[in-house]
Protein backbone atom coordinates (compact mmCIF):
# COMPACT_ATOMS: atom_id res chain seq x y z
CA UNK A 1 68.91 7.76 -4.88
CA UNK A 2 67.84 3.83 -4.96
CA UNK A 3 64.10 3.13 -5.79
CA UNK A 4 61.79 3.65 -2.66
CA UNK A 5 59.91 0.50 -1.39
CA UNK A 6 56.56 0.53 -0.02
CA UNK A 7 55.66 -2.61 2.43
CA UNK A 8 52.05 -3.60 1.05
CA UNK A 9 51.55 -5.57 4.33
CA UNK A 10 52.06 -2.27 6.25
CA UNK A 11 50.66 0.34 3.97
CA UNK A 12 47.33 1.67 5.60
CA UNK A 13 46.39 3.89 2.30
CA UNK A 14 46.58 6.90 4.12
CA UNK A 15 47.54 8.57 1.05
CA UNK A 16 50.17 11.02 2.81
CA UNK A 17 52.67 10.10 0.71
CA UNK A 18 50.98 10.83 -2.26
CA UNK A 19 50.19 14.05 -1.08
CA UNK A 20 53.75 14.87 0.17
CA UNK A 21 55.45 13.39 -2.89
CA UNK A 22 53.12 12.94 -6.25
CA UNK A 23 55.53 12.12 -8.64
CA UNK A 24 56.38 9.14 -6.95
CA UNK A 25 53.72 7.68 -4.97
CA UNK A 26 49.90 7.04 -5.98
CA UNK A 27 47.23 4.96 -4.30
CA UNK A 28 45.89 2.64 -6.47
CA UNK A 29 42.34 0.78 -6.47
CA UNK A 30 43.62 -1.89 -4.08
CA UNK A 31 43.76 1.36 -1.67
CA UNK A 32 47.55 1.16 -1.06
CA UNK A 33 50.48 3.43 -1.90
CA UNK A 34 52.81 2.50 -5.13
CA UNK A 35 55.55 3.65 -6.70
CA UNK A 36 55.08 5.16 -9.93
CA UNK A 37 56.83 3.22 -12.55
CA UNK A 38 59.76 5.79 -14.40
CA UNK A 39 59.38 8.05 -11.46
CA UNK A 40 62.44 10.33 -11.03
CA UNK A 41 63.30 9.40 -7.37
CA UNK A 42 63.65 12.87 -5.70
CA UNK A 43 65.92 12.68 -2.45
CA UNK A 44 64.19 15.57 -0.21
CA UNK A 45 60.43 14.43 -1.67
CA UNK A 46 61.08 10.90 -1.14
CA UNK A 47 62.67 11.77 2.18
CA UNK A 48 59.69 13.58 3.55
CA UNK A 49 57.32 10.63 2.27
CA UNK A 50 59.21 8.24 4.08
CA UNK A 51 59.22 10.72 7.41
CA UNK A 52 55.62 11.23 7.34
CA UNK A 53 54.24 7.60 7.02
CA UNK A 54 52.50 6.81 9.88
CA UNK A 55 52.98 3.22 9.77
CA UNK A 56 56.81 3.28 8.66
CA UNK A 57 55.69 1.50 5.50
CA UNK A 58 58.39 3.29 3.33
CA UNK A 59 61.92 2.56 2.76
CA UNK A 60 64.55 3.56 0.79
């Protein structure tokens, strides 16, 4: 899988992605979701985060 991308302009920092896929996503001090460097991009985990993002800020 290619590296997922979080659109920082769209992200509202709800943290759902970090809850469903904590090995790939984290909330940083700016209140936005970010990709964890060096993360293993598990297809199912990332897809769950993409599907559950309430504002569609995550893409693959």
